C-alpha atoms as a PDB file:
ATOM      1  CA  MET A   1     125.242 -47.325-138.206  1.00  0.00           C
ATOM      2  CA  SER A   2     128.599 -48.922-137.572  1.00  0.00           C
ATOM      3  CA  PHE A   3     129.281 -50.916-134.426  1.00  0.00           C
ATOM      4  CA  SER A   4     132.729 -51.465-132.973  1.00  0.00           C
ATOM      5  CA  ASP A   5     134.186 -54.775-131.884  1.00  0.00           C
ATOM      6  CA  ASN A   6     133.864 -53.433-128.336  1.00  0.00           C
ATOM      7  CA  PHE A   7     130.091 -53.299-128.788  1.00  0.00           C
ATOM      8  CA  PHE A   8     129.957 -56.859-130.112  1.00  0.00           C
ATOM      9  CA  ASN A   9     132.205 -58.053-127.269  1.00  0.00           C
ATOM     10  CA  ARG A  10     129.856 -56.496-124.694  1.00  0.00           C
ATOM     11  CA  VAL A  11     126.830 -58.106-126.326  1.00  0.00           C
ATOM     12  CA  GLU A  12     128.527 -61.494-126.537  1.00  0.00           C
ATOM     13  CA  LYS A  13     129.657 -61.319-122.919  1.00  0.00           C
ATOM     14  CA  LYS A  14     126.157 -60.526-121.736  1.00  0.00           C
ATOM     15  CA  THR A  15     124.148 -62.780-124.073  1.00  0.00           C
ATOM     16  CA  LYS A  16     126.594 -65.467-125.294  1.00  0.00           C
ATOM     17  CA  VAL A  17     125.534 -64.601-128.865  1.00  0.00           C
ATOM     18  CA  ASP A  18     128.567 -64.062-131.090  1.00  0.00           C
ATOM     19  CA  LYS A  19     129.159 -61.332-133.657  1.00  0.00           C
ATOM     20  CA  ASN A  20     128.465 -63.626-136.625  1.00  0.00           C
ATOM     21  CA  MET A  21     125.042 -64.618-135.263  1.00  0.00           C
ATOM     22  CA  ILE A  22     124.196 -60.963-134.582  1.00  0.00           C
ATOM     23  CA  LEU A  23     125.160 -59.983-138.117  1.00  0.00           C
ATOM     24  CA  GLU A  24     123.221 -62.935-139.571  1.00  0.00           C
ATOM     25  CA  LEU A  25     120.081 -61.917-137.668  1.00  0.00           C
ATOM     26  CA  ALA A  26     120.534 -58.264-138.649  1.00  0.00           C
ATOM     27  CA  LYS A  27     120.794 -59.320-142.292  1.00  0.00           C
ATOM     28  CA  GLU A  28     117.616 -61.380-141.982  1.00  0.00           C
ATOM     29  CA  LEU A  29     115.803 -58.376-140.546  1.00  0.00           C
ATOM     30  CA  GLN A  30     117.151 -56.081-143.279  1.00  0.00           C
ATOM     31  CA  GLU A  31     116.162 -58.434-146.084  1.00  0.00           C
ATOM     32  CA  ASN A  32     112.660 -58.906-144.710  1.00  0.00           C
ATOM     33  CA  ASN A  33     110.010 -56.649-143.292  1.00  0.00           C
ATOM     34  CA  LEU A  34     110.809 -55.792-139.659  1.00  0.00           C
ATOM     35  CA  LYS A  35     107.079 -55.405-139.067  1.00  0.00           C
ATOM     36  CA  ASN A  36     106.360 -58.898-140.396  1.00  0.00           C
ATOM     37  CA  GLU A  37     105.287 -61.274-137.629  1.00  0.00           C
ATOM     38  CA  ASN A  38     106.854 -64.334-139.282  1.00  0.00           C
ATOM     39  CA  THR A  39     110.229 -62.612-139.638  1.00  0.00           C
ATOM     40  CA  LEU A  40     110.130 -61.540-135.999  1.00  0.00           C
ATOM     41  CA  LYS A  41     109.163 -65.046-134.857  1.00  0.00           C
ATOM     42  CA  SER A  42     112.075 -66.505-136.802  1.00  0.00           C
ATOM     43  CA  VAL A  43     114.544 -64.105-135.186  1.00  0.00           C
ATOM     44  CA  ILE A  44     113.083 -64.675-131.708  1.00  0.00           C
ATOM     45  CA  HIS A  45     113.364 -68.463-132.119  1.00  0.00           C
ATOM     46  CA  LYS A  46     116.961 -68.221-133.345  1.00  0.00           C
ATOM     47  CA  LEU A  47     117.938 -65.940-130.457  1.00  0.00           C
ATOM     48  CA  SER A  48     116.171 -68.197-127.993  1.00  0.00           C
ATOM     49  CA  ALA A  49     118.107 -71.201-129.267  1.00  0.00           C
ATOM     50  CA  ALA A  50     121.417 -69.313-129.322  1.00  0.00           C
ATOM     51  CA  THR A  51     121.049 -68.036-125.759  1.00  0.00           C
ATOM     52  CA  GLY A  52     119.450 -71.162-124.350  1.00  0.00           C
ATOM     53  CA  LYS A  53     116.598 -69.096-122.939  1.00  0.00           C
ATOM     54  CA  LYS A  54     113.052 -70.260-123.502  1.00  0.00           C
ATOM     55  CA  VAL A  55     110.605 -67.641-124.753  1.00  0.00           C
ATOM     56  CA  SER A  56     106.984 -68.382-123.918  1.00  0.00           C
ATOM     57  CA  GLU A  57     104.226 -67.740-126.421  1.00  0.00           C
ATOM     58  CA  GLU A  58     103.063 -64.810-124.265  1.00  0.00           C
ATOM     59  CA  GLN A  59     106.562 -63.287-124.202  1.00  0.00           C
ATOM     60  CA  GLU A  60     106.867 -63.788-127.948  1.00  0.00           C
ATOM     61  CA  LYS A  61     103.599 -61.920-128.526  1.00  0.00           C
ATOM     62  CA  LYS A  62     104.756 -59.054-126.283  1.00  0.00           C
ATOM     63  CA  ILE A  63     108.062 -58.771-128.145  1.00  0.00           C
ATOM     64  CA  ILE A  64     106.346 -58.810-131.540  1.00  0.00           C
ATOM     65  CA  ASN A  65     103.814 -56.180-130.441  1.00  0.00           C
ATOM     66  CA  ALA A  66     106.588 -53.980-129.050  1.00  0.00           C
ATOM     67  CA  VAL A  67     108.508 -54.102-132.339  1.00  0.00           C
ATOM     68  CA  ILE A  68     105.462 -53.640-134.565  1.00  0.00           C
ATOM     69  CA  ASN A  69     104.225 -50.707-132.459  1.00  0.00           C
ATOM     70  CA  ASP A  70     107.664 -49.022-132.222  1.00  0.00           C
ATOM     71  CA  LYS A  71     107.952 -49.540-128.464  1.00  0.00           C
ATOM     72  CA  VAL A  72     111.600 -50.685-128.632  1.00  0.00           C
ATOM     73  CA  PRO A  73     114.351 -48.412-127.209  1.00  0.00           C
ATOM     74  CA  LYS A  74     116.107 -46.500-129.969  1.00  0.00           C
ATOM     75  CA  ASP A  75     119.534 -46.252-128.277  1.00  0.00           C
ATOM     76  CA  ILE A  76     120.903 -49.782-128.583  1.00  0.00           C
ATOM     77  CA  ASN A  77     124.162 -48.878-126.826  1.00  0.00           C
ATOM     78  CA  ASN A  78     122.277 -48.395-123.556  1.00  0.00           C
ATOM     79  CA  MET A  79     120.828 -51.903-123.759  1.00  0.00           C
ATOM     80  CA  PHE A  80     124.177 -53.519-123.038  1.00  0.00           C
END
């Protein structure tokens, strides 16, 4: 799947996370098991730091469960 600069600009505007960080996190997810809890925790912590938004332990568990159990929206374009 190829994303346009327009997509990255929309994401950055909404989240303050730049294209390079997005690509770095995507690479980390590709190189590791997306269903691996440690990989997901690492990505969540990096996104939390990049956006300046604290993620509680409860929220982290919900996010991890959603990803592991395929409860994440498939159409990423509609997220932003």
